[in-house]
Amino acid sequence: RGNRGLLATYYRNSNLTGPTFTRVDPTIDLDGTESVPEPSFSRNSFSARWTGQVRAPRTDVFTLYLVADELARLWINDQLLLEVAEPGVAERGVQVPLRQGQRYDVCVEARNTGGGLVARLLWSSPALPKTVVPAADLLPWRPSLPSSGQTGGGLVHPAGVLLRNGSFLAGSVQRATETVVEVRTRGNQRVVSTPTVARLYLQPVREPLLMQVSPGRRGVLLPSGDFVDGLFRRLEAGRLRLSSILFGARTFQVPQDVLAVFIQDLAIQAQPFEVRLCDGSVFCATRVRLAVDTIQVHDPLLGPELISAEDLESLARY
């Protein structure tokens, strides 16, 4: 919990693509003389993205400065504030009011096509001389995004498997029984124990429809919004079987006739980390470790998980 700085993702190519190397950088203060971040990278062609949060030491109007010798950009709270576009070392600045102790999302991108990467993030205020934004005021963890059941409006959940602890595997459910669920996620076939599963989303489903289902109910949610109570038995070969007290055995064509299958209630326990992927998957993790090209997470229900840094959308620390 003592880490300070920004989450740095270095890309082998100069356009933020290709193999990556991930680490936490205490500051953004590169003058082009540093060695490459990873031995397999070429000094004349790589790029970087830093993400996390900045926290103001006092309430004031700060001037943020971005220094680069090639294309570089700065975002605060997802708003593009600065861009350096011309060749040669240049500095751009913008005034931003910041409140003491408040955290602001920050993202910096910089590219290098020769001679080393130049990228510096500085600030100043009427009471603070111009200096590199220090590690003490930077956090490498993005803010936590709302979890299922706590968001409203038109949020759409992708198809996939929601586990009882709140973790979610985005993908296509291929087959499911009372003991195992087979889901194709991130290009791989994955087998999950059914007793760990809360819901199956067979189509993208909107949050307002899910919120209409009372806690404790088991059964299937239909595209019309109707809910059929019953116990899940099997999903195979495009058919889902449900055992209903009122109607006996019911069979549904999937995915067209069913939005979601409610197998059992969520039993979420807060974990130190929440890792979100670009495909919509979520891991509620007890441990996270950064490595070359990958992020290793440990989910209490899924176990160890190796994630490509390119698949990472956000990393939140509670």
C-alpha atoms as a PDB file:
ATOM      1  CA  ARG A   1       0.000   0.000   0.000  1.00  0.00           C
ATOM      2  CA  GLY A   2       3.063   2.239   0.134  1.00  0.00           C
ATOM      3  CA  ASN A   3       3.492   2.418  -3.659  1.00  0.00           C
ATOM      4  CA  ARG A   4       3.585   5.945  -5.042  1.00  0.00           C
ATOM      5  CA  GLY A   5       3.897   7.086  -8.624  1.00  0.00           C
ATOM      6  CA  LEU A   6       2.011   6.164 -11.792  1.00  0.00           C
ATOM      7  CA  LEU A   7       1.337   2.863 -13.518  1.00  0.00           C
ATOM      8  CA  ALA A   8       3.631   2.936 -16.554  1.00  0.00           C
ATOM      9  CA  THR A   9       2.996   0.754 -19.591  1.00  0.00           C
ATOM     10  CA  TYR A  10       5.818   0.804 -22.138  1.00  0.00           C
ATOM     11  CA  TYR A  11       5.095  -0.419 -25.673  1.00  0.00           C
ATOM     12  CA  ARG A  12       7.696  -1.860 -28.024  1.00  0.00           C
ATOM     13  CA  ASN A  13       6.285   0.138 -30.943  1.00  0.00           C
ATOM     14  CA  SER A  14       6.158   3.928 -31.181  1.00  0.00           C
ATOM     15  CA  ASN A  15       2.359   4.006 -31.662  1.00  0.00           C
ATOM     16  CA  LEU A  16       1.303   2.435 -28.336  1.00  0.00           C
ATOM     17  CA  THR A  17       1.053  -1.074 -29.781  1.00  0.00           C
ATOM     18  CA  GLY A  18       3.001  -4.304 -29.559  1.00  0.00           C
ATOM     19  CA  PRO A  19       4.499  -6.172 -26.584  1.00  0.00           C
ATOM     20  CA  THR A  20       4.481  -4.240 -23.333  1.00  0.00           C
ATOM     21  CA  PHE A  21       6.475  -3.831 -20.144  1.00  0.00           C
ATOM     22  CA  THR A  22       4.649  -2.584 -17.040  1.00  0.00           C
ATOM     23  CA  ARG A  23       6.000  -1.038 -13.846  1.00  0.00           C
ATOM     24  CA  VAL A  24       5.288   1.757 -11.377  1.00  0.00           C
ATOM     25  CA  ASP A  25       7.286   4.909 -12.138  1.00  0.00           C
ATOM     26  CA  PRO A  26       7.679   7.295  -9.176  1.00  0.00           C
ATOM     27  CA  THR A  27       7.580  10.355 -11.487  1.00  0.00           C
ATOM     28  CA  ILE A  28       7.472  11.261 -15.170  1.00  0.00           C
ATOM     29  CA  ASP A  29      10.900  12.770 -15.601  1.00  0.00           C
ATOM     30  CA  LEU A  30      12.651  11.335 -18.667  1.00  0.00           C
ATOM     31  CA  ASP A  31      15.191  13.449 -20.556  1.00  0.00           C
ATOM     32  CA  GLY A  32      16.055  10.954 -23.297  1.00  0.00           C
ATOM     33  CA  THR A  33      19.292   9.673 -21.763  1.00  0.00           C
ATOM     34  CA  GLU A  34      17.756   6.783 -19.819  1.00  0.00           C
ATOM     35  CA  SER A  35      18.195   3.192 -20.921  1.00  0.00           C
ATOM     36  CA  VAL A  36      15.291   1.389 -22.567  1.00  0.00           C
ATOM     37  CA  PRO A  37      12.675   0.134 -20.075  1.00  0.00           C
ATOM     38  CA  GLU A  38      13.064  -3.473 -21.258  1.00  0.00           C
ATOM     39  CA  PRO A  39      16.116  -5.017 -23.015  1.00  0.00           C
ATOM     40  CA  SER A  40      14.112  -6.255 -26.026  1.00  0.00           C
ATOM     41  CA  PHE A  41      12.965  -2.679 -26.829  1.00  0.00           C
ATOM     42  CA  SER A  42      14.731  -0.551 -29.421  1.00  0.00           C
ATOM     43  CA  ARG A  43      16.002   2.777 -28.113  1.00  0.00           C
ATOM     44  CA  ASN A  44      14.777   4.399 -31.320  1.00  0.00           C
ATOM     45  CA  SER A  45      11.191   3.157 -31.323  1.00  0.00           C
ATOM     46  CA  PHE A  46       8.931   2.727 -28.312  1.00  0.00           C
ATOM     47  CA  SER A  47       6.149   4.573 -26.521  1.00  0.00           C
ATOM     48  CA  ALA A  48       4.634   4.891 -23.056  1.00  0.00           C
ATOM     49  CA  ARG A  49       1.386   5.497 -21.229  1.00  0.00           C
ATOM     50  CA  TRP A  50       1.215   6.523 -17.557  1.00  0.00           C
ATOM     51  CA  THR A  51      -2.076   6.258 -15.663  1.00  0.00           C
ATOM     52  CA  GLY A  52      -3.207   6.774 -12.093  1.00  0.00           C
ATOM     53  CA  GLN A  53      -4.186   9.719  -9.938  1.00  0.00           C
ATOM     54  CA  VAL A  54      -2.683  13.005  -8.836  1.00  0.00           C
ATOM     55  CA  ARG A  55      -3.485  14.525  -5.447  1.00  0.00           C
ATOM     56  CA  ALA A  56      -3.016  18.238  -4.802  1.00  0.00           C
ATOM     57  CA  PRO A  57      -1.042  19.160  -1.644  1.00  0.00           C
ATOM     58  CA  ARG A  58      -3.101  22.354  -1.253  1.00  0.00           C
ATOM     59  CA  THR A  59      -6.115  24.107  -2.754  1.00  0.00           C
ATOM     60  CA  ASP A  60      -4.832  26.431  -5.449  1.00  0.00           C
ATOM     61  CA  VAL A  61      -4.707  27.151  -9.152  1.00  0.00           C
ATOM     62  CA  PHE A  62      -1.879  24.944 -10.425  1.00  0.00           C
ATOM     63  CA  THR A  63      -0.110  25.171 -13.746  1.00  0.00           C
ATOM     64  CA  LEU A  64       0.577  21.736 -15.202  1.00  0.00           C
ATOM     65  CA  TYR A  65       3.463  21.442 -17.663  1.00  0.00           C
ATOM     66  CA  LEU A  66       4.143  18.718 -20.217  1.00  0.00           C
ATOM     67  CA  VAL A  67       7.604  18.525 -21.755  1.00  0.00           C
ATOM     68  CA  ALA A  68       8.336  16.257 -24.745  1.00  0.00           C
ATOM     69  CA  ASP A  69      10.330  16.159 -27.975  1.00  0.00           C
ATOM     70  CA  GLU A  70       7.707  14.223 -29.964  1.00  0.00           C
ATOM     71  CA  LEU A  71       3.959  13.668 -29.803  1.00  0.00           C
ATOM     72  CA  ALA A  72       2.744  13.641 -26.167  1.00  0.00           C
ATOM     73  CA  ARG A  73      -0.601  14.262 -24.476  1.00  0.00           C
ATOM     74  CA  LEU A  74      -1.941  14.895 -20.971  1.00  0.00           C
ATOM     75  CA  TRP A  75      -5.464  14.079 -19.753  1.00  0.00           C
ATOM     76  CA  ILE A  76      -6.973  15.019 -16.397  1.00  0.00           C
ATOM     77  CA  ASN A  77     -10.276  13.333 -15.511  1.00  0.00           C
ATOM     78  CA  ASP A  78     -10.480  12.056 -19.106  1.00  0.00           C
ATOM     79  CA  GLN A  79     -10.232  15.576 -20.567  1.00  0.00           C
ATOM     80  CA  LEU A  80      -7.380  16.290 -22.970  1.00  0.00           C
ATOM     81  CA  LEU A  81      -5.630  19.366 -21.559  1.00  0.00           C
ATOM     82  CA  LEU A  82      -2.218  19.443 -23.220  1.00  0.00           C
ATOM     83  CA  GLU A  83      -0.637  18.207 -26.436  1.00  0.00           C
ATOM     84  CA  VAL A  84       2.919  18.536 -27.683  1.00  0.00           C
ATOM     85  CA  ALA A  85       2.958  17.764 -31.389  1.00  0.00           C
ATOM     86  CA  GLU A  86       5.969  19.386 -33.038  1.00  0.00           C
ATOM     87  CA  PRO A  87       9.471  17.825 -33.185  1.00  0.00           C
ATOM     88  CA  GLY A  88      12.144  19.117 -30.823  1.00  0.00           C
ATOM     89  CA  VAL A  89      11.914  19.591 -27.068  1.00  0.00           C
ATOM     90  CA  ALA A  90       8.898  21.722 -26.264  1.00  0.00           C
ATOM     91  CA  GLU A  91       6.915  22.627 -23.155  1.00  0.00           C
ATOM     92  CA  ARG A  92       3.200  23.284 -22.875  1.00  0.00           C
ATOM     93  CA  GLY A  93       1.313  24.484 -19.810  1.00  0.00           C
ATOM     94  CA  VAL A  94      -2.283  24.829 -18.632  1.00  0.00           C
ATOM     95  CA  GLN A  95      -3.843  26.248 -15.471  1.00  0.00           C
ATOM     96  CA  VAL A  96      -6.087  23.899 -13.480  1.00  0.00           C
ATOM     97  CA  PRO A  97      -7.819  24.593 -10.137  1.00  0.00           C
ATOM     98  CA  LEU A  98      -7.132  21.730  -7.719  1.00  0.00           C
ATOM     99  CA  ARG A  99      -8.508  21.078  -4.236  1.00  0.00           C
ATOM    100  CA  GLN A 100      -6.335  19.849  -1.400  1.00  0.00           C
ATOM    101  CA  GLY A 101      -6.569  16.090  -0.871  1.00  0.00           C
ATOM    102  CA  GLN A 102      -8.863  15.475  -3.839  1.00  0.00           C
ATOM    103  CA  ARG A 103      -7.733  12.858  -6.342  1.00  0.00           C
ATOM    104  CA  TYR A 104      -7.811  13.494 -10.075  1.00  0.00           C
ATOM    105  CA  ASP A 105      -7.410  10.849 -12.779  1.00  0.00           C
ATOM    106  CA  VAL A 106      -4.293  11.451 -14.843  1.00  0.00           C
ATOM    107  CA  CYS A 107      -3.067   9.934 -18.096  1.00  0.00           C
ATOM    108  CA  VAL A 108       0.066  10.844 -20.046  1.00  0.00           C
ATOM    109  CA  GLU A 109       1.091   9.357 -23.396  1.00  0.00           C
ATOM    110  CA  ALA A 110       4.402   9.901 -25.146  1.00  0.00           C
ATOM    111  CA  ARG A 111       6.034   8.483 -28.248  1.00  0.00           C
ATOM    112  CA  ASN A 112       9.631   8.023 -29.318  1.00  0.00           C
ATOM    113  CA  THR A 113      10.888   7.416 -32.850  1.00  0.00           C
ATOM    114  CA  GLY A 114      14.552   8.121 -32.258  1.00  0.00           C
ATOM    115  CA  GLY A 115      17.139   9.321 -29.767  1.00  0.00           C
ATOM    116  CA  GLY A 116      15.451   8.310 -26.517  1.00  0.00           C
ATOM    117  CA  LEU A 117      12.113   9.157 -24.902  1.00  0.00           C
ATOM    118  CA  VAL A 118      11.653  12.670 -23.531  1.00  0.00           C
ATOM    119  CA  ALA A 119       8.656  13.108 -21.244  1.00  0.00           C
ATOM    120  CA  ARG A 120       8.290  15.249 -18.110  1.00  0.00           C
ATOM    121  CA  LEU A 121       5.273  16.201 -16.004  1.00  0.00           C
ATOM    122  CA  LEU A 122       5.726  19.271 -13.824  1.00  0.00           C
ATOM    123  CA  TRP A 123       3.574  21.711 -11.887  1.00  0.00           C
ATOM    124  CA  SER A 124       3.676  25.028 -10.099  1.00  0.00           C
ATOM    125  CA  SER A 125       1.333  27.333  -8.191  1.00  0.00           C
ATOM    126  CA  PRO A 126       1.583  30.774  -6.588  1.00  0.00           C
ATOM    127  CA  ALA A 127       2.861  29.037  -3.437  1.00  0.00           C
ATOM    128  CA  LEU A 128       4.833  26.216  -5.121  1.00  0.00           C
ATOM    129  CA  PRO A 129       7.872  26.669  -7.326  1.00  0.00           C
ATOM    130  CA  LYS A 130       7.957  24.810 -10.610  1.00  0.00           C
ATOM    131  CA  THR A 131       8.984  21.192 -10.038  1.00  0.00           C
ATOM    132  CA  VAL A 132       8.414  17.668 -11.289  1.00  0.00           C
ATOM    133  CA  VAL A 133       5.141  16.326  -9.856  1.00  0.00           C
ATOM    134  CA  PRO A 134       6.517  14.238  -6.959  1.00  0.00           C
ATOM    135  CA  ALA A 135       5.782  10.605  -6.209  1.00  0.00           C
ATOM    136  CA  ALA A 136       4.210  11.610  -2.886  1.00  0.00           C
ATOM    137  CA  ASP A 137       1.322  13.211  -4.813  1.00  0.00           C
ATOM    138  CA  LEU A 138       0.850  10.399  -7.351  1.00  0.00           C
ATOM    139  CA  LEU A 139      -1.039   7.115  -7.032  1.00  0.00           C
ATOM    140  CA  PRO A 140      -0.751   4.277  -9.571  1.00  0.00           C
ATOM    141  CA  TRP A 141      -4.261   2.956  -8.903  1.00  0.00           C
ATOM    142  CA  ARG A 142      -7.267   4.148 -10.865  1.00  0.00           C
ATOM    143  CA  PRO A 143     -10.495   4.840  -8.945  1.00  0.00           C
ATOM    144  CA  SER A 144     -12.888   1.957  -8.403  1.00  0.00           C
ATOM    145  CA  LEU A 145     -15.699   1.741 -10.932  1.00  0.00           C
ATOM    146  CA  PRO A 146     -19.249   1.003  -9.769  1.00  0.00           C
ATOM    147  CA  SER A 147     -19.872  -2.709  -9.317  1.00  0.00           C
ATOM    148  CA  SER A 148     -22.887  -4.690 -10.470  1.00  0.00           C
ATOM    149  CA  GLY A 149     -26.025  -3.870  -8.549  1.00  0.00           C
ATOM    150  CA  GLN A 150     -24.832  -0.393  -7.615  1.00  0.00           C
ATOM    151  CA  THR A 151     -25.050   1.291 -10.994  1.00  0.00           C
ATOM    152  CA  GLY A 152     -28.166   2.640 -12.617  1.00  0.00           C
ATOM    153  CA  GLY A 153     -29.353   4.256 -15.787  1.00  0.00           C
ATOM    154  CA  GLY A 154     -28.609   2.471 -19.013  1.00  0.00           C
ATOM    155  CA  LEU A 155     -25.532   0.481 -18.020  1.00  0.00           C
ATOM    156  CA  VAL A 156     -25.245  -2.624 -20.191  1.00  0.00           C
ATOM    157  CA  HIS A 157     -23.504  -5.740 -18.874  1.00  0.00           C
ATOM    158  CA  PRO A 158     -21.836  -7.875 -21.566  1.00  0.00           C
ATOM    159  CA  ALA A 159     -22.555 -11.574 -21.914  1.00  0.00           C
ATOM    160  CA  GLY A 160     -20.567 -13.760 -19.557  1.00  0.00           C
ATOM    161  CA  VAL A 161     -20.407 -15.386 -16.134  1.00  0.00           C
ATOM    162  CA  LEU A 162     -20.899 -13.433 -12.889  1.00  0.00           C
ATOM    163  CA  LEU A 163     -19.341 -15.160  -9.897  1.00  0.00           C
ATOM    164  CA  ARG A 164     -20.667 -14.968  -6.350  1.00  0.00           C
ATOM    165  CA  ASN A 165     -17.761 -12.760  -5.225  1.00  0.00           C
ATOM    166  CA  GLY A 166     -18.505 -10.147  -7.900  1.00  0.00           C
ATOM    167  CA  SER A 167     -15.829 -11.224 -10.375  1.00  0.00           C
ATOM    168  CA  PHE A 168     -17.021 -11.419 -13.971  1.00  0.00           C
ATOM    169  CA  LEU A 169     -15.769 -13.342 -17.008  1.00  0.00           C
ATOM    170  CA  ALA A 170     -16.982 -11.649 -20.174  1.00  0.00           C
ATOM    171  CA  GLY A 171     -17.597 -14.106 -22.977  1.00  0.00           C
ATOM    172  CA  SER A 172     -19.922 -16.644 -24.510  1.00  0.00           C
ATOM    173  CA  VAL A 173     -21.370 -19.377 -22.294  1.00  0.00           C
ATOM    174  CA  GLN A 174     -20.890 -22.586 -24.286  1.00  0.00           C
ATOM    175  CA  ARG A 175     -22.301 -25.170 -21.908  1.00  0.00           C
ATOM    176  CA  ALA A 176     -23.403 -25.371 -18.283  1.00  0.00           C
ATOM    177  CA  THR A 177     -24.570 -28.032 -15.848  1.00  0.00           C
ATOM    178  CA  GLU A 178     -25.213 -28.097 -12.118  1.00  0.00           C
ATOM    179  CA  THR A 179     -21.496 -28.751 -11.576  1.00  0.00           C
ATOM    180  CA  VAL A 180     -19.532 -26.843 -14.265  1.00  0.00           C
ATOM    181  CA  VAL A 181     -19.868 -23.862 -16.607  1.00  0.00           C
ATOM    182  CA  GLU A 182     -17.863 -23.667 -19.830  1.00  0.00           C
ATOM    183  CA  VAL A 183     -17.306 -20.143 -21.115  1.00  0.00           C
ATOM    184  CA  ARG A 184     -15.229 -18.850 -24.009  1.00  0.00           C
ATOM    185  CA  THR A 185     -13.451 -15.757 -22.723  1.00  0.00           C
ATOM    186  CA  ARG A 186     -10.562 -13.777 -24.232  1.00  0.00           C
ATOM    187  CA  GLY A 187     -10.207 -16.415 -26.933  1.00  0.00           C
ATOM    188  CA  ASN A 188      -9.839 -19.320 -24.513  1.00  0.00           C
ATOM    189  CA  GLN A 189     -12.168 -22.005 -23.238  1.00  0.00           C
ATOM    190  CA  ARG A 190     -12.586 -21.712 -19.471  1.00  0.00           C
ATOM    191  CA  VAL A 191     -14.279 -24.114 -17.035  1.00  0.00           C
ATOM    192  CA  VAL A 192     -15.772 -22.652 -13.844  1.00  0.00           C
ATOM    193  CA  SER A 193     -17.366 -24.513 -10.950  1.00  0.00           C
ATOM    194  CA  THR A 194     -21.140 -23.860 -10.941  1.00  0.00           C
ATOM    195  CA  PRO A 195     -21.321 -23.540  -7.111  1.00  0.00           C
ATOM    196  CA  THR A 196     -19.139 -20.400  -7.489  1.00  0.00           C
ATOM    197  CA  VAL A 197     -21.486 -18.841 -10.088  1.00  0.00           C
ATOM    198  CA  ALA A 198     -24.251 -16.354  -9.287  1.00  0.00           C
ATOM    199  CA  ARG A 199     -25.558 -15.568 -12.785  1.00  0.00           C
ATOM    200  CA  LEU A 200     -25.109 -16.363 -16.460  1.00  0.00           C
ATOM    201  CA  TYR A 201     -25.602 -13.463 -18.857  1.00  0.00           C
ATOM    202  CA  LEU A 202     -26.454 -15.058 -22.202  1.00  0.00           C
ATOM    203  CA  GLN A 203     -26.940 -11.712 -23.942  1.00  0.00           C
ATOM    204  CA  PRO A 204     -25.888  -8.154 -23.106  1.00  0.00           C
ATOM    205  CA  VAL A 205     -28.358  -7.081 -20.419  1.00  0.00           C
ATOM    206  CA  ARG A 206     -29.266  -3.668 -19.042  1.00  0.00           C
ATOM    207  CA  GLU A 207     -28.876  -2.937 -15.354  1.00  0.00           C
ATOM    208  CA  PRO A 208     -32.479  -1.685 -14.853  1.00  0.00           C
ATOM    209  CA  LEU A 209     -33.810  -5.114 -15.880  1.00  0.00           C
ATOM    210  CA  LEU A 210     -31.494  -6.877 -13.433  1.00  0.00           C
ATOM    211  CA  MET A 211     -32.520  -4.539 -10.638  1.00  0.00           C
ATOM    212  CA  GLN A 212     -36.145  -5.603 -11.050  1.00  0.00           C
ATOM    213  CA  VAL A 213     -35.296  -9.125  -9.852  1.00  0.00           C
ATOM    214  CA  SER A 214     -35.683  -9.410  -6.075  1.00  0.00           C
ATOM    215  CA  PRO A 215     -32.782 -10.889  -4.073  1.00  0.00           C
ATOM    216  CA  GLY A 216     -33.170 -14.594  -3.448  1.00  0.00           C
ATOM    217  CA  ARG A 217     -35.071 -15.382  -6.655  1.00  0.00           C
ATOM    218  CA  ARG A 218     -33.740 -18.100  -8.932  1.00  0.00           C
ATOM    219  CA  GLY A 219     -34.723 -18.625 -12.522  1.00  0.00           C
ATOM    220  CA  VAL A 220     -34.404 -16.921 -15.904  1.00  0.00           C
ATOM    221  CA  LEU A 221     -34.872 -13.324 -17.004  1.00  0.00           C
ATOM    222  CA  LEU A 222     -36.546 -13.026 -20.402  1.00  0.00           C
ATOM    223  CA  PRO A 223     -35.999 -10.263 -23.011  1.00  0.00           C
ATOM    224  CA  SER A 224     -39.512  -8.990 -22.250  1.00  0.00           C
ATOM    225  CA  GLY A 225     -38.484  -8.312 -18.660  1.00  0.00           C
ATOM    226  CA  ASP A 226     -40.567 -11.190 -17.328  1.00  0.00           C
ATOM    227  CA  PHE A 227     -38.969 -13.568 -14.843  1.00  0.00           C
ATOM    228  CA  VAL A 228     -39.623 -17.311 -14.681  1.00  0.00           C
ATOM    229  CA  ASP A 229     -38.826 -18.802 -11.267  1.00  0.00           C
ATOM    230  CA  GLY A 230     -37.122 -22.169 -11.160  1.00  0.00           C
ATOM    231  CA  LEU A 231     -33.897 -24.085 -10.611  1.00  0.00           C
ATOM    232  CA  PHE A 232     -31.276 -24.169 -13.338  1.00  0.00           C
ATOM    233  CA  ARG A 233     -30.516 -27.670 -14.591  1.00  0.00           C
ATOM    234  CA  ARG A 234     -28.568 -27.554 -17.848  1.00  0.00           C
ATOM    235  CA  LEU A 235     -27.572 -25.452 -20.839  1.00  0.00           C
ATOM    236  CA  GLU A 236     -26.402 -27.388 -23.853  1.00  0.00           C
ATOM    237  CA  ALA A 237     -26.778 -27.429 -27.640  1.00  0.00           C
ATOM    238  CA  GLY A 238     -28.782 -24.193 -27.669  1.00  0.00           C
ATOM    239  CA  ARG A 239     -31.316 -25.302 -25.072  1.00  0.00           C
ATOM    240  CA  LEU A 240     -31.662 -24.327 -21.434  1.00  0.00           C
ATOM    241  CA  ARG A 241     -33.572 -26.513 -19.000  1.00  0.00           C
ATOM    242  CA  LEU A 242     -35.241 -25.083 -15.928  1.00  0.00           C
ATOM    243  CA  SER A 243     -37.089 -26.976 -13.198  1.00  0.00           C
ATOM    244  CA  SER A 244     -40.089 -24.872 -12.135  1.00  0.00           C
ATOM    245  CA  ILE A 245     -42.338 -25.619  -9.172  1.00  0.00           C
ATOM    246  CA  LEU A 246     -45.339 -24.082 -10.943  1.00  0.00           C
ATOM    247  CA  PHE A 247     -44.725 -25.230 -14.506  1.00  0.00           C
ATOM    248  CA  GLY A 248     -42.529 -28.322 -14.102  1.00  0.00           C
ATOM    249  CA  ALA A 249     -39.617 -28.732 -16.522  1.00  0.00           C
ATOM    250  CA  ARG A 250     -39.243 -25.809 -18.923  1.00  0.00           C
ATOM    251  CA  THR A 251     -36.993 -25.579 -21.980  1.00  0.00           C
ATOM    252  CA  PHE A 252     -35.809 -22.300 -23.548  1.00  0.00           C
ATOM    253  CA  GLN A 253     -33.944 -21.628 -26.775  1.00  0.00           C
ATOM    254  CA  VAL A 254     -30.720 -19.781 -26.035  1.00  0.00           C
ATOM    255  CA  PRO A 255     -29.438 -17.216 -26.350  1.00  0.00           C
ATOM    256  CA  GLN A 256     -32.426 -15.640 -28.104  1.00  0.00           C
ATOM    257  CA  ASP A 257     -35.094 -16.492 -25.475  1.00  0.00           C
ATOM    258  CA  VAL A 258     -33.101 -15.773 -22.287  1.00  0.00           C
ATOM    259  CA  LEU A 259     -31.177 -12.720 -21.129  1.00  0.00           C
ATOM    260  CA  ALA A 260     -29.853 -14.024 -17.819  1.00  0.00           C
ATOM    261  CA  VAL A 261     -29.926 -17.082 -15.578  1.00  0.00           C
ATOM    262  CA  PHE A 262     -30.058 -16.451 -11.824  1.00  0.00           C
ATOM    263  CA  ILE A 263     -28.437 -19.462 -10.136  1.00  0.00           C
ATOM    264  CA  GLN A 264     -27.770 -18.131  -6.626  1.00  0.00           C
ATOM    265  CA  ASP A 265     -27.286 -14.862  -4.756  1.00  0.00           C
ATOM    266  CA  LEU A 266     -24.144 -12.788  -4.772  1.00  0.00           C
ATOM    267  CA  ALA A 267     -21.989 -13.021  -1.652  1.00  0.00           C
ATOM    268  CA  ILE A 268     -19.491 -10.215  -2.218  1.00  0.00           C
ATOM    269  CA  GLN A 269     -16.615  -9.743   0.203  1.00  0.00           C
ATOM    270  CA  ALA A 270     -14.449  -6.671  -0.283  1.00  0.00           C
ATOM    271  CA  GLN A 271     -11.014  -7.413  -1.726  1.00  0.00           C
ATOM    272  CA  PRO A 272      -7.997  -5.088  -1.902  1.00  0.00           C
ATOM    273  CA  PHE A 273      -7.962  -4.868  -5.703  1.00  0.00           C
ATOM    274  CA  GLU A 274     -10.414  -4.626  -8.579  1.00  0.00           C
ATOM    275  CA  VAL A 275      -8.958  -5.342 -12.029  1.00  0.00           C
ATOM    276  CA  ARG A 276     -11.063  -4.486 -15.086  1.00  0.00           C
ATOM    277  CA  LEU A 277     -10.254  -5.617 -18.597  1.00  0.00           C
ATOM    278  CA  CYS A 278     -11.128  -4.009 -21.913  1.00  0.00           C
ATOM    279  CA  ASP A 279     -13.594  -6.813 -22.745  1.00  0.00           C
ATOM    280  CA  GLY A 280     -15.649  -6.122 -19.590  1.00  0.00           C
ATOM    281  CA  SER A 281     -14.177  -8.855 -17.386  1.00  0.00           C
ATOM    282  CA  VAL A 282     -13.626  -7.997 -13.712  1.00  0.00           C
ATOM    283  CA  PHE A 283     -11.407  -9.671 -11.124  1.00  0.00           C
ATOM    284  CA  CYS A 284     -11.873  -9.038  -7.392  1.00  0.00           C
ATOM    285  CA  ALA A 285      -8.326  -9.819  -6.357  1.00  0.00           C
ATOM    286  CA  THR A 286      -6.479 -10.354  -3.111  1.00  0.00           C
ATOM    287  CA  ARG A 287      -3.074  -9.816  -4.736  1.00  0.00           C
ATOM    288  CA  VAL A 288      -1.711  -8.071  -7.820  1.00  0.00           C
ATOM    289  CA  ARG A 289       1.808  -8.288  -9.182  1.00  0.00           C
ATOM    290  CA  LEU A 290       3.203  -6.374 -12.151  1.00  0.00           C
ATOM    291  CA  ALA A 291       5.491  -8.265 -14.516  1.00  0.00           C
ATOM    292  CA  VAL A 292       6.899  -7.903 -18.037  1.00  0.00           C
ATOM    293  CA  ASP A 293       3.976  -7.739 -20.495  1.00  0.00           C
ATOM    294  CA  THR A 294       1.580  -9.153 -17.892  1.00  0.00           C
ATOM    295  CA  ILE A 295      -0.275  -8.469 -14.678  1.00  0.00           C
ATOM    296  CA  GLN A 296      -0.661 -11.388 -12.292  1.00  0.00           C
ATOM    297  CA  VAL A 297      -3.768 -11.332 -10.116  1.00  0.00           C
ATOM    298  CA  HIS A 298      -5.160 -13.776  -7.577  1.00  0.00           C
ATOM    299  CA  ASP A 299      -8.934 -14.095  -7.412  1.00  0.00           C
ATOM    300  CA  PRO A 300     -10.340 -16.071  -4.436  1.00  0.00           C
ATOM    301  CA  LEU A 301     -12.694 -18.065  -6.685  1.00  0.00           C
ATOM    302  CA  LEU A 302     -10.738 -18.224  -9.925  1.00  0.00           C
ATOM    303  CA  GLY A 303      -7.263 -18.584  -8.453  1.00  0.00           C
ATOM    304  CA  PRO A 304      -4.182 -17.088 -10.158  1.00  0.00           C
ATOM    305  CA  GLU A 305      -4.811 -15.250 -13.403  1.00  0.00           C
ATOM    306  CA  LEU A 306      -2.232 -14.012 -15.901  1.00  0.00           C
ATOM    307  CA  ILE A 307      -3.429 -10.960 -17.842  1.00  0.00           C
ATOM    308  CA  SER A 308      -1.776  -9.239 -20.764  1.00  0.00           C
ATOM    309  CA  ALA A 309      -1.073  -5.597 -20.003  1.00  0.00           C
ATOM    310  CA  GLU A 310      -2.712  -4.717 -23.329  1.00  0.00           C
ATOM    311  CA  ASP A 311      -6.008  -6.160 -22.045  1.00  0.00           C
ATOM    312  CA  LEU A 312      -5.998  -4.017 -18.881  1.00  0.00           C
ATOM    313  CA  GLU A 313      -8.548  -1.192 -18.670  1.00  0.00           C
ATOM    314  CA  SER A 314      -8.180  -0.141 -15.042  1.00  0.00           C
ATOM    315  CA  LEU A 315      -6.688  -1.215 -11.749  1.00  0.00           C
ATOM    316  CA  ALA A 316      -8.322   0.014  -8.551  1.00  0.00           C
ATOM    317  CA  ARG A 317      -6.999  -0.341  -5.030  1.00  0.00           C
ATOM    318  CA  TYR A 318      -9.364  -0.038  -2.087  1.00  0.00           C
END
